Amino acid sequence: MAHISVVIPVYRAESCLEELYRRLKAALEPLTADFEIMLVEDCGGDRSWSLIVELAQRDPRVKGIQFSRNFGQHYGITAGLDRCNGDWVVVMDCDLQDRPEEIPRLYAKAQEGHEIVVARRGKRSDPLLKRFSSWLYYSVFSWLADMDYDPQAGNFRILSRKVINNYRNMRERSRFFGSLINWMGFPFTSIDVQHDERFAGDSSYTFGKLWRLGAETIIAYSDKPLRIAVRLGFFIATCAFLYGIYILFRALFHGSPVTGWSSLIVSIYFMGGVIVAILGILGIYLGKTYDETKCRPLYVINHTTFDD
């Protein structure tokens, strides 16, 4: 058993792995010599895996996992948490925007009696468009998912062994690390940390990928889209009923002929679109249920640098 494990999903990070290892080692060794660095390579197509193998040969405290194909960041976190054995586990990204030098502060705060300590990014170093899209994403996500999620909190945090053991019990396919941790309900605290610029390369999270992840997460953690669809249906039906009464009274008391065929056709197409959209929402929920019933493994491992 290690005292501290650091779990890091790796994707196209060949340019920063050496620097990541050097800074992690410098940050962890003053805390304890009994640590492990779990690097989960998500088949980015670069030299990341060969570099992880070299680091593991140089330092047995570095442990590498390589997926058989690209599964995604949150599956990488899951694989690392499934196999780490530390009393305390740090989860962070590989691009060095999460500073390894903040780990001692997270650890010290956890020793005050906290199961989870979250690193809040005081001032983000991302471009303006990235910050705006993240703010918009988390605002919509929090509303639709009925979940109070802090947009300044990323994956960077430290967790106790009790939290990790409970996390391992949750095997649903829709993985969003922060939401799963929040759902468990363990009390947590946070500290403000410095958020650096990327050490090298560009973010793999495009605007489209971010919103696709948000949509999948909302479907996985909330039925609010279904409730909104029901309310929309009742609202449209009420409006149609009131408008029907208006037409009836107008015909009875004013003898006005029924006009407005253009508006009628528009209304029919509008209602058809609403019905198709609602059916689509239902179909997505049914599709997610179908995926869960397959009971396939969350990920497939191709190689490891240690005996699993």
C-alpha atoms as a PDB file:
ATOM      1  CA  MET A   1       0.000   0.000   0.000  1.00  0.00           C
ATOM      2  CA  ALA A   2       1.217   3.468  -0.906  1.00  0.00           C
ATOM      3  CA  HIS A   3       0.466   6.447   1.264  1.00  0.00           C
ATOM      4  CA  ILE A   4      -0.306   8.800  -1.647  1.00  0.00           C
ATOM      5  CA  SER A   5      -1.394   7.832  -5.148  1.00  0.00           C
ATOM      6  CA  VAL A   6      -1.572  10.314  -8.015  1.00  0.00           C
ATOM      7  CA  VAL A   7      -3.955   9.311 -10.825  1.00  0.00           C
ATOM      8  CA  ILE A   8      -3.475  11.094 -14.154  1.00  0.00           C
ATOM      9  CA  PRO A   9      -5.270  10.371 -17.451  1.00  0.00           C
ATOM     10  CA  VAL A  10      -2.817  10.911 -20.307  1.00  0.00           C
ATOM     11  CA  TYR A  11      -3.739  11.933 -23.844  1.00  0.00           C
ATOM     12  CA  ARG A  12      -1.211  13.252 -26.353  1.00  0.00           C
ATOM     13  CA  ALA A  13       1.131  14.378 -23.596  1.00  0.00           C
ATOM     14  CA  GLU A  14       4.547  13.316 -24.895  1.00  0.00           C
ATOM     15  CA  SER A  15       5.864  16.872 -24.640  1.00  0.00           C
ATOM     16  CA  CYS A  16       5.126  17.258 -20.930  1.00  0.00           C
ATOM     17  CA  LEU A  17       5.502  13.810 -19.322  1.00  0.00           C
ATOM     18  CA  GLU A  18       9.143  14.271 -18.301  1.00  0.00           C
ATOM     19  CA  GLU A  19       8.411  17.657 -16.735  1.00  0.00           C
ATOM     20  CA  LEU A  20       5.273  16.264 -15.090  1.00  0.00           C
ATOM     21  CA  TYR A  21       7.262  13.415 -13.512  1.00  0.00           C
ATOM     22  CA  ARG A  22      10.051  15.747 -12.340  1.00  0.00           C
ATOM     23  CA  ARG A  23       7.655  18.169 -10.650  1.00  0.00           C
ATOM     24  CA  LEU A  24       5.514  15.419  -9.136  1.00  0.00           C
ATOM     25  CA  LYS A  25       8.579  13.751  -7.656  1.00  0.00           C
ATOM     26  CA  ALA A  26       9.792  17.063  -6.210  1.00  0.00           C
ATOM     27  CA  ALA A  27       6.374  17.758  -4.680  1.00  0.00           C
ATOM     28  CA  LEU A  28       5.722  14.276  -3.255  1.00  0.00           C
ATOM     29  CA  GLU A  29       9.100  13.228  -1.829  1.00  0.00           C
ATOM     30  CA  PRO A  30       9.044  15.799   1.019  1.00  0.00           C
ATOM     31  CA  LEU A  31       5.638  14.381   2.042  1.00  0.00           C
ATOM     32  CA  THR A  32       6.455  10.673   1.817  1.00  0.00           C
ATOM     33  CA  ALA A  33       8.726   8.315  -0.067  1.00  0.00           C
ATOM     34  CA  ASP A  34       5.804   5.874  -0.245  1.00  0.00           C
ATOM     35  CA  PHE A  35       3.888   7.211  -3.236  1.00  0.00           C
ATOM     36  CA  GLU A  36       2.831   6.006  -6.668  1.00  0.00           C
ATOM     37  CA  ILE A  37       2.114   7.853  -9.894  1.00  0.00           C
ATOM     38  CA  MET A  38      -0.583   6.138 -11.969  1.00  0.00           C
ATOM     39  CA  LEU A  39      -0.492   7.249 -15.620  1.00  0.00           C
ATOM     40  CA  VAL A  40      -3.385   6.034 -17.787  1.00  0.00           C
ATOM     41  CA  GLU A  41      -2.639   6.444 -21.504  1.00  0.00           C
ATOM     42  CA  ASP A  42      -5.781   6.842 -23.612  1.00  0.00           C
ATOM     43  CA  CYS A  43      -4.366   5.952 -27.052  1.00  0.00           C
ATOM     44  CA  GLY A  44      -3.651   9.455 -28.286  1.00  0.00           C
ATOM     45  CA  GLY A  45      -1.453   8.206 -31.124  1.00  0.00           C
ATOM     46  CA  ASP A  46       1.799   9.858 -30.004  1.00  0.00           C
ATOM     47  CA  ARG A  47       4.817   8.606 -28.022  1.00  0.00           C
ATOM     48  CA  SER A  48       3.163   8.983 -24.611  1.00  0.00           C
ATOM     49  CA  TRP A  49       3.053   5.243 -23.879  1.00  0.00           C
ATOM     50  CA  SER A  50       6.709   4.615 -24.722  1.00  0.00           C
ATOM     51  CA  LEU A  51       7.681   7.514 -22.460  1.00  0.00           C
ATOM     52  CA  ILE A  52       5.520   6.121 -19.652  1.00  0.00           C
ATOM     53  CA  VAL A  53       7.278   2.753 -20.035  1.00  0.00           C
ATOM     54  CA  GLU A  54      10.663   4.484 -19.804  1.00  0.00           C
ATOM     55  CA  LEU A  55       9.615   6.372 -16.658  1.00  0.00           C
ATOM     56  CA  ALA A  56       8.321   3.143 -15.075  1.00  0.00           C
ATOM     57  CA  GLN A  57      11.618   1.367 -15.799  1.00  0.00           C
ATOM     58  CA  ARG A  58      13.515   4.268 -14.273  1.00  0.00           C
ATOM     59  CA  ASP A  59      11.261   4.594 -11.195  1.00  0.00           C
ATOM     60  CA  PRO A  60       9.012   1.688 -10.100  1.00  0.00           C
ATOM     61  CA  ARG A  61       6.760   4.168  -8.320  1.00  0.00           C
ATOM     62  CA  VAL A  62       5.524   5.165 -11.789  1.00  0.00           C
ATOM     63  CA  LYS A  63       2.829   2.764 -12.990  1.00  0.00           C
ATOM     64  CA  GLY A  64       1.440   2.871 -16.507  1.00  0.00           C
ATOM     65  CA  ILE A  65      -1.834   1.645 -17.989  1.00  0.00           C
ATOM     66  CA  GLN A  66      -2.604   1.741 -21.698  1.00  0.00           C
ATOM     67  CA  PHE A  67      -6.118   1.302 -23.069  1.00  0.00           C
ATOM     68  CA  SER A  68      -6.815  -0.820 -26.152  1.00  0.00           C
ATOM     69  CA  ARG A  69      -8.420   2.235 -27.794  1.00  0.00           C
ATOM     70  CA  ASN A  70      -9.508   5.738 -26.895  1.00  0.00           C
ATOM     71  CA  PHE A  71     -12.171   5.567 -24.186  1.00  0.00           C
ATOM     72  CA  GLY A  72     -12.079   9.116 -22.806  1.00  0.00           C
ATOM     73  CA  GLN A  73     -10.672  11.107 -19.913  1.00  0.00           C
ATOM     74  CA  HIS A  74     -13.183  10.071 -17.273  1.00  0.00           C
ATOM     75  CA  TYR A  75     -12.738   6.388 -18.081  1.00  0.00           C
ATOM     76  CA  GLY A  76      -9.009   6.937 -17.663  1.00  0.00           C
ATOM     77  CA  ILE A  77      -9.623   8.373 -14.209  1.00  0.00           C
ATOM     78  CA  THR A  78     -11.816   5.367 -13.400  1.00  0.00           C
ATOM     79  CA  ALA A  79      -9.128   2.893 -14.491  1.00  0.00           C
ATOM     80  CA  GLY A  80      -6.534   4.652 -12.351  1.00  0.00           C
ATOM     81  CA  LEU A  81      -8.802   4.762  -9.308  1.00  0.00           C
ATOM     82  CA  ASP A  82      -9.639   1.071  -9.774  1.00  0.00           C
ATOM     83  CA  ARG A  83      -5.968   0.120  -9.480  1.00  0.00           C
ATOM     84  CA  CYS A  84      -4.371   2.682  -7.180  1.00  0.00           C
ATOM     85  CA  ASN A  85      -3.739   1.618  -3.600  1.00  0.00           C
ATOM     86  CA  GLY A  86      -2.907   4.844  -1.755  1.00  0.00           C
ATOM     87  CA  ASP A  87      -4.409   5.907   1.540  1.00  0.00           C
ATOM     88  CA  TRP A  88      -4.887   9.286  -0.148  1.00  0.00           C
ATOM     89  CA  VAL A  89      -5.454   9.714  -3.880  1.00  0.00           C
ATOM     90  CA  VAL A  90      -4.812  12.858  -5.926  1.00  0.00           C
ATOM     91  CA  VAL A  91      -6.560  13.185  -9.299  1.00  0.00           C
ATOM     92  CA  MET A  92      -5.170  15.735 -11.745  1.00  0.00           C
ATOM     93  CA  ASP A  93      -4.736  16.451 -15.455  1.00  0.00           C
ATOM     94  CA  CYS A  94      -1.541  15.785 -17.380  1.00  0.00           C
ATOM     95  CA  ASP A  95      -1.031  19.172 -19.069  1.00  0.00           C
ATOM     96  CA  LEU A  96       0.471  20.863 -15.966  1.00  0.00           C
ATOM     97  CA  GLN A  97      -2.314  23.410 -15.712  1.00  0.00           C
ATOM     98  CA  ASP A  98      -2.909  21.596 -12.421  1.00  0.00           C
ATOM     99  CA  ARG A  99       0.314  22.404 -10.590  1.00  0.00           C
ATOM    100  CA  PRO A 100       1.989  19.472  -8.766  1.00  0.00           C
ATOM    101  CA  GLU A 101       3.329  22.044  -6.280  1.00  0.00           C
ATOM    102  CA  GLU A 102      -0.227  22.421  -4.923  1.00  0.00           C
ATOM    103  CA  ILE A 103      -0.411  18.768  -3.804  1.00  0.00           C
ATOM    104  CA  PRO A 104       1.244  19.429  -0.404  1.00  0.00           C
ATOM    105  CA  ARG A 105      -1.406  22.092   0.310  1.00  0.00           C
ATOM    106  CA  LEU A 106      -4.207  19.696  -0.634  1.00  0.00           C
ATOM    107  CA  TYR A 107      -2.665  16.978   1.534  1.00  0.00           C
ATOM    108  CA  ALA A 108      -2.187  19.320   4.506  1.00  0.00           C
ATOM    109  CA  LYS A 109      -5.827  20.426   4.286  1.00  0.00           C
ATOM    110  CA  ALA A 110      -6.992  16.806   4.117  1.00  0.00           C
ATOM    111  CA  GLN A 111      -5.071  16.019   7.314  1.00  0.00           C
ATOM    112  CA  GLU A 112      -7.346  18.459   9.142  1.00  0.00           C
ATOM    113  CA  GLY A 113     -10.067  15.804   8.899  1.00  0.00           C
ATOM    114  CA  HIS A 114     -11.540  16.213   5.409  1.00  0.00           C
ATOM    115  CA  GLU A 115     -12.433  13.273   3.153  1.00  0.00           C
ATOM    116  CA  ILE A 116     -12.253  15.408  -0.014  1.00  0.00           C
ATOM    117  CA  VAL A 117     -10.333  18.601  -0.731  1.00  0.00           C
ATOM    118  CA  VAL A 118     -11.088  20.260  -4.063  1.00  0.00           C
ATOM    119  CA  ALA A 119      -8.663  22.607  -5.815  1.00  0.00           C
ATOM    120  CA  ARG A 120     -10.533  25.702  -7.002  1.00  0.00           C
ATOM    121  CA  ARG A 121      -8.907  27.593  -9.852  1.00  0.00           C
ATOM    122  CA  GLY A 122      -8.747  31.169  -8.596  1.00  0.00           C
ATOM    123  CA  LYS A 123      -7.855  32.705 -11.957  1.00  0.00           C
ATOM    124  CA  ARG A 124      -7.921  30.488 -15.020  1.00  0.00           C
ATOM    125  CA  SER A 125      -5.178  30.824 -17.611  1.00  0.00           C
ATOM    126  CA  ASP A 126      -7.361  29.600 -20.484  1.00  0.00           C
ATOM    127  CA  PRO A 127      -8.271  31.833 -23.453  1.00  0.00           C
ATOM    128  CA  LEU A 128     -11.363  34.017 -23.100  1.00  0.00           C
ATOM    129  CA  LEU A 129     -13.474  31.844 -25.424  1.00  0.00           C
ATOM    130  CA  LYS A 130     -12.564  28.709 -23.447  1.00  0.00           C
ATOM    131  CA  ARG A 131     -13.457  30.401 -20.153  1.00  0.00           C
ATOM    132  CA  PHE A 132     -16.779  31.661 -21.535  1.00  0.00           C
ATOM    133  CA  SER A 133     -17.739  28.290 -23.019  1.00  0.00           C
ATOM    134  CA  SER A 134     -16.856  26.578 -19.729  1.00  0.00           C
ATOM    135  CA  TRP A 135     -18.949  29.068 -17.752  1.00  0.00           C
ATOM    136  CA  LEU A 136     -21.911  28.620 -20.121  1.00  0.00           C
ATOM    137  CA  TYR A 137     -21.510  24.842 -20.051  1.00  0.00           C
ATOM    138  CA  TYR A 138     -21.464  24.585 -16.251  1.00  0.00           C
ATOM    139  CA  SER A 139     -24.360  27.049 -15.891  1.00  0.00           C
ATOM    140  CA  VAL A 140     -26.601  25.052 -18.224  1.00  0.00           C
ATOM    141  CA  PHE A 141     -25.326  21.784 -16.781  1.00  0.00           C
ATOM    142  CA  SER A 142     -26.070  22.783 -13.177  1.00  0.00           C
ATOM    143  CA  TRP A 143     -29.608  23.870 -14.110  1.00  0.00           C
ATOM    144  CA  LEU A 144     -30.526  20.845 -16.225  1.00  0.00           C
ATOM    145  CA  ALA A 145     -28.805  18.284 -14.010  1.00  0.00           C
ATOM    146  CA  ASP A 146     -30.204  19.781 -10.774  1.00  0.00           C
ATOM    147  CA  MET A 147     -26.676  19.721  -9.418  1.00  0.00           C
ATOM    148  CA  ASP A 148     -24.773  22.581  -7.790  1.00  0.00           C
ATOM    149  CA  TYR A 149     -21.439  22.208  -9.591  1.00  0.00           C
ATOM    150  CA  ASP A 150     -18.675  24.761  -9.065  1.00  0.00           C
ATOM    151  CA  PRO A 151     -17.313  25.889 -12.463  1.00  0.00           C
ATOM    152  CA  GLN A 152     -13.989  26.795 -10.824  1.00  0.00           C
ATOM    153  CA  ALA A 153     -13.481  23.191  -9.692  1.00  0.00           C
ATOM    154  CA  GLY A 154     -11.957  20.765 -12.179  1.00  0.00           C
ATOM    155  CA  ASN A 155     -10.742  17.214 -11.604  1.00  0.00           C
ATOM    156  CA  PHE A 156      -7.842  18.331  -9.398  1.00  0.00           C
ATOM    157  CA  ARG A 157      -8.520  17.164  -5.833  1.00  0.00           C
ATOM    158  CA  ILE A 158      -7.421  14.760  -3.101  1.00  0.00           C
ATOM    159  CA  LEU A 159      -9.666  11.977  -1.813  1.00  0.00           C
ATOM    160  CA  SER A 160      -9.524   9.543   1.077  1.00  0.00           C
ATOM    161  CA  ARG A 161      -9.457   5.758   0.702  1.00  0.00           C
ATOM    162  CA  LYS A 162     -13.069   5.590   1.947  1.00  0.00           C
ATOM    163  CA  VAL A 163     -14.228   7.826  -0.887  1.00  0.00           C
ATOM    164  CA  ILE A 164     -12.293   5.802  -3.475  1.00  0.00           C
ATOM    165  CA  ASN A 165     -13.717   2.499  -2.244  1.00  0.00           C
ATOM    166  CA  ASN A 166     -17.254   3.843  -2.633  1.00  0.00           C
ATOM    167  CA  TYR A 167     -16.460   5.336  -6.032  1.00  0.00           C
ATOM    168  CA  ARG A 168     -15.372   1.914  -7.277  1.00  0.00           C
ATOM    169  CA  ASN A 169     -18.878   0.565  -6.621  1.00  0.00           C
ATOM    170  CA  MET A 170     -20.420   2.874  -9.235  1.00  0.00           C
ATOM    171  CA  ARG A 171     -20.079   1.210 -12.634  1.00  0.00           C
ATOM    172  CA  GLU A 172     -22.523   3.106 -14.847  1.00  0.00           C
ATOM    173  CA  ARG A 173     -21.243   3.818 -18.338  1.00  0.00           C
ATOM    174  CA  SER A 174     -21.881   7.571 -18.296  1.00  0.00           C
ATOM    175  CA  ARG A 175     -18.798   8.747 -16.436  1.00  0.00           C
ATOM    176  CA  PHE A 176     -18.307  12.269 -15.140  1.00  0.00           C
ATOM    177  CA  PHE A 177     -15.823  12.137 -12.295  1.00  0.00           C
ATOM    178  CA  GLY A 178     -16.844  15.326 -10.475  1.00  0.00           C
ATOM    179  CA  SER A 179     -20.554  14.513 -10.582  1.00  0.00           C
ATOM    180  CA  LEU A 180     -20.050  10.981  -9.270  1.00  0.00           C
ATOM    181  CA  ILE A 181     -18.008  12.328  -6.372  1.00  0.00           C
ATOM    182  CA  ASN A 182     -20.642  14.988  -5.610  1.00  0.00           C
ATOM    183  CA  TRP A 183     -23.452  12.427  -5.796  1.00  0.00           C
ATOM    184  CA  MET A 184     -21.905  10.345  -3.000  1.00  0.00           C
ATOM    185  CA  GLY A 185     -22.477  13.231  -0.621  1.00  0.00           C
ATOM    186  CA  PHE A 186     -19.278  13.106   1.405  1.00  0.00           C
ATOM    187  CA  PRO A 187     -18.519  16.470   3.044  1.00  0.00           C
ATOM    188  CA  PHE A 188     -15.739  18.329   1.307  1.00  0.00           C
ATOM    189  CA  THR A 189     -13.783  21.533   1.484  1.00  0.00           C
ATOM    190  CA  SER A 190     -11.802  23.478  -1.084  1.00  0.00           C
ATOM    191  CA  ILE A 191      -8.729  25.641  -1.405  1.00  0.00           C
ATOM    192  CA  ASP A 192      -7.864  28.202  -4.068  1.00  0.00           C
ATOM    193  CA  VAL A 193      -4.917  27.218  -6.237  1.00  0.00           C
ATOM    194  CA  GLN A 194      -2.959  28.785  -9.056  1.00  0.00           C
ATOM    195  CA  HIS A 195      -4.009  27.632 -12.518  1.00  0.00           C
ATOM    196  CA  ASP A 196      -1.155  27.648 -15.024  1.00  0.00           C
ATOM    197  CA  GLU A 197      -1.138  27.754 -18.802  1.00  0.00           C
ATOM    198  CA  ARG A 198      -0.733  24.476 -20.656  1.00  0.00           C
ATOM    199  CA  PHE A 199       2.879  23.356 -20.666  1.00  0.00           C
ATOM    200  CA  ALA A 200       2.617  22.350 -24.332  1.00  0.00           C
ATOM    201  CA  GLY A 201       0.051  21.474 -26.987  1.00  0.00           C
ATOM    202  CA  ASP A 202      -3.624  22.322 -27.237  1.00  0.00           C
ATOM    203  CA  SER A 203      -6.659  21.147 -25.325  1.00  0.00           C
ATOM    204  CA  SER A 204      -8.408  18.079 -26.782  1.00  0.00           C
ATOM    205  CA  TYR A 205     -11.747  19.371 -25.438  1.00  0.00           C
ATOM    206  CA  THR A 206     -13.360  21.285 -28.285  1.00  0.00           C
ATOM    207  CA  PHE A 207     -16.587  23.243 -27.834  1.00  0.00           C
ATOM    208  CA  GLY A 208     -18.525  20.402 -29.446  1.00  0.00           C
ATOM    209  CA  LYS A 209     -16.939  17.714 -27.268  1.00  0.00           C
ATOM    210  CA  LEU A 210     -17.633  19.731 -24.133  1.00  0.00           C
ATOM    211  CA  TRP A 211     -21.346  20.064 -24.942  1.00  0.00           C
ATOM    212  CA  ARG A 212     -21.602  16.421 -25.993  1.00  0.00           C
ATOM    213  CA  LEU A 213     -20.160  15.423 -22.623  1.00  0.00           C
ATOM    214  CA  GLY A 214     -22.617  17.787 -20.938  1.00  0.00           C
ATOM    215  CA  ALA A 215     -25.601  16.278 -22.758  1.00  0.00           C
ATOM    216  CA  GLU A 216     -24.565  12.727 -21.852  1.00  0.00           C
ATOM    217  CA  THR A 217     -23.990  13.710 -18.231  1.00  0.00           C
ATOM    218  CA  ILE A 218     -27.352  15.468 -17.928  1.00  0.00           C
ATOM    219  CA  ILE A 219     -29.135  12.404 -19.328  1.00  0.00           C
ATOM    220  CA  ALA A 220     -27.203  10.187 -16.904  1.00  0.00           C
ATOM    221  CA  TYR A 221     -27.833  12.193 -13.747  1.00  0.00           C
ATOM    222  CA  SER A 222     -31.203  13.884 -14.195  1.00  0.00           C
ATOM    223  CA  ASP A 223     -34.673  13.395 -15.662  1.00  0.00           C
ATOM    224  CA  LYS A 224     -35.201  17.161 -15.871  1.00  0.00           C
ATOM    225  CA  PRO A 225     -35.282  17.196 -19.717  1.00  0.00           C
ATOM    226  CA  LEU A 226     -38.249  14.818 -19.528  1.00  0.00           C
ATOM    227  CA  ARG A 227     -40.001  17.031 -16.983  1.00  0.00           C
ATOM    228  CA  ILE A 228     -39.365  20.088 -19.166  1.00  0.00           C
ATOM    229  CA  ALA A 229     -40.851  18.214 -22.143  1.00  0.00           C
ATOM    230  CA  VAL A 230     -43.995  17.386 -20.121  1.00  0.00           C
ATOM    231  CA  ARG A 231     -44.383  21.014 -19.022  1.00  0.00           C
ATOM    232  CA  LEU A 232     -43.879  22.229 -22.574  1.00  0.00           C
ATOM    233  CA  GLY A 233     -46.560  19.821 -23.779  1.00  0.00           C
ATOM    234  CA  PHE A 234     -49.058  21.033 -21.175  1.00  0.00           C
ATOM    235  CA  PHE A 235     -48.218  24.659 -21.949  1.00  0.00           C
ATOM    236  CA  ILE A 236     -48.804  24.216 -25.675  1.00  0.00           C
ATOM    237  CA  ALA A 237     -52.025  22.270 -25.035  1.00  0.00           C
ATOM    238  CA  THR A 238     -53.290  25.039 -22.721  1.00  0.00           C
ATOM    239  CA  CYS A 239     -52.482  27.718 -25.285  1.00  0.00           C
ATOM    240  CA  ALA A 240     -54.264  25.724 -28.003  1.00  0.00           C
ATOM    241  CA  PHE A 241     -57.315  25.220 -25.767  1.00  0.00           C
ATOM    242  CA  LEU A 242     -57.572  28.933 -24.935  1.00  0.00           C
ATOM    243  CA  TYR A 243     -57.134  29.868 -28.577  1.00  0.00           C
ATOM    244  CA  GLY A 244     -59.896  27.395 -29.512  1.00  0.00           C
ATOM    245  CA  ILE A 245     -62.266  29.039 -27.034  1.00  0.00           C
ATOM    246  CA  TYR A 246     -61.380  32.435 -28.516  1.00  0.00           C
ATOM    247  CA  ILE A 247     -62.202  31.228 -32.045  1.00  0.00           C
ATOM    248  CA  LEU A 248     -65.503  29.701 -30.866  1.00  0.00           C
ATOM    249  CA  PHE A 249     -66.660  32.876 -29.147  1.00  0.00           C
ATOM    250  CA  ARG A 250     -65.593  34.985 -32.105  1.00  0.00           C
ATOM    251  CA  ALA A 251     -67.617  32.811 -34.489  1.00  0.00           C
ATOM    252  CA  LEU A 252     -70.692  32.748 -32.202  1.00  0.00           C
ATOM    253  CA  PHE A 253     -70.897  36.449 -31.344  1.00  0.00           C
ATOM    254  CA  HIS A 254     -69.287  38.145 -34.333  1.00  0.00           C
ATOM    255  CA  GLY A 255     -69.952  35.683 -37.100  1.00  0.00           C
ATOM    256  CA  SER A 256     -66.362  35.945 -38.251  1.00  0.00           C
ATOM    257  CA  PRO A 257     -65.294  33.274 -40.704  1.00  0.00           C
ATOM    258  CA  VAL A 258     -62.384  31.066 -39.724  1.00  0.00           C
ATOM    259  CA  THR A 259     -59.251  32.385 -41.436  1.00  0.00           C
ATOM    260  CA  GLY A 260     -55.518  31.865 -41.130  1.00  0.00           C
ATOM    261  CA  TRP A 261     -54.618  28.766 -43.081  1.00  0.00           C
ATOM    262  CA  SER A 262     -50.962  29.841 -43.181  1.00  0.00           C
ATOM    263  CA  SER A 263     -50.808  30.108 -39.396  1.00  0.00           C
ATOM    264  CA  LEU A 264     -52.538  26.712 -39.181  1.00  0.00           C
ATOM    265  CA  ILE A 265     -49.872  25.052 -41.324  1.00  0.00           C
ATOM    266  CA  VAL A 266     -47.107  26.732 -39.306  1.00  0.00           C
ATOM    267  CA  SER A 267     -48.733  25.511 -36.086  1.00  0.00           C
ATOM    268  CA  ILE A 268     -48.922  21.960 -37.419  1.00  0.00           C
ATOM    269  CA  TYR A 269     -45.239  21.962 -38.354  1.00  0.00           C
ATOM    270  CA  PHE A 270     -44.341  23.525 -35.000  1.00  0.00           C
ATOM    271  CA  MET A 271     -46.262  20.872 -33.078  1.00  0.00           C
ATOM    272  CA  GLY A 272     -44.746  18.160 -35.240  1.00  0.00           C
ATOM    273  CA  GLY A 273     -41.276  19.431 -34.408  1.00  0.00           C
ATOM    274  CA  VAL A 274     -42.066  19.536 -30.684  1.00  0.00           C
ATOM    275  CA  ILE A 275     -43.424  15.977 -30.767  1.00  0.00           C
ATOM    276  CA  VAL A 276     -40.388  14.673 -32.654  1.00  0.00           C
ATOM    277  CA  ALA A 277     -38.043  16.464 -30.200  1.00  0.00           C
ATOM    278  CA  ILE A 278     -39.824  14.942 -27.195  1.00  0.00           C
ATOM    279  CA  LEU A 279     -39.721  11.500 -28.780  1.00  0.00           C
ATOM    280  CA  GLY A 280     -36.018  12.054 -29.406  1.00  0.00           C
ATOM    281  CA  ILE A 281     -35.436  12.831 -25.724  1.00  0.00           C
ATOM    282  CA  LEU A 282     -37.306   9.662 -24.763  1.00  0.00           C
ATOM    283  CA  GLY A 283     -35.240   7.724 -27.299  1.00  0.00           C
ATOM    284  CA  ILE A 284     -31.985   8.985 -25.812  1.00  0.00           C
ATOM    285  CA  TYR A 285     -33.024   7.863 -22.327  1.00  0.00           C
ATOM    286  CA  LEU A 286     -34.066   4.466 -23.681  1.00  0.00           C
ATOM    287  CA  GLY A 287     -30.755   4.191 -25.555  1.00  0.00           C
ATOM    288  CA  LYS A 288     -28.777   4.903 -22.392  1.00  0.00           C
ATOM    289  CA  THR A 289     -30.817   2.266 -20.559  1.00  0.00           C
ATOM    290  CA  TYR A 290     -30.050  -0.199 -23.370  1.00  0.00           C
ATOM    291  CA  ASP A 291     -26.327   0.536 -23.096  1.00  0.00           C
ATOM    292  CA  GLU A 292     -26.400  -0.133 -19.348  1.00  0.00           C
ATOM    293  CA  THR A 293     -28.169  -3.492 -19.805  1.00  0.00           C
ATOM    294  CA  LYS A 294     -25.292  -4.782 -21.970  1.00  0.00           C
ATOM    295  CA  CYS A 295     -23.033  -4.831 -18.893  1.00  0.00           C
ATOM    296  CA  ARG A 296     -19.893  -4.419 -20.971  1.00  0.00           C
ATOM    297  CA  PRO A 297     -16.659  -3.440 -19.181  1.00  0.00           C
ATOM    298  CA  LEU A 298     -16.124   0.297 -18.846  1.00  0.00           C
ATOM    299  CA  TYR A 299     -12.724   0.052 -20.534  1.00  0.00           C
ATOM    300  CA  VAL A 300     -10.283  -2.504 -21.951  1.00  0.00           C
ATOM    301  CA  ILE A 301      -6.622  -2.495 -20.953  1.00  0.00           C
ATOM    302  CA  ASN A 302      -3.991  -3.357 -23.538  1.00  0.00           C
ATOM    303  CA  HIS A 303      -0.767  -3.026 -21.541  1.00  0.00           C
ATOM    304  CA  THR A 304       0.411  -2.238 -18.023  1.00  0.00           C
ATOM    305  CA  THR A 305       3.886  -1.686 -16.614  1.00  0.00           C
ATOM    306  CA  PHE A 306       3.064  -3.636 -13.451  1.00  0.00           C
ATOM    307  CA  ASP A 307       1.482  -6.918 -12.423  1.00  0.00           C
ATOM    308  CA  ASP A 308      -2.252  -6.272 -12.353  1.00  0.00           C
END
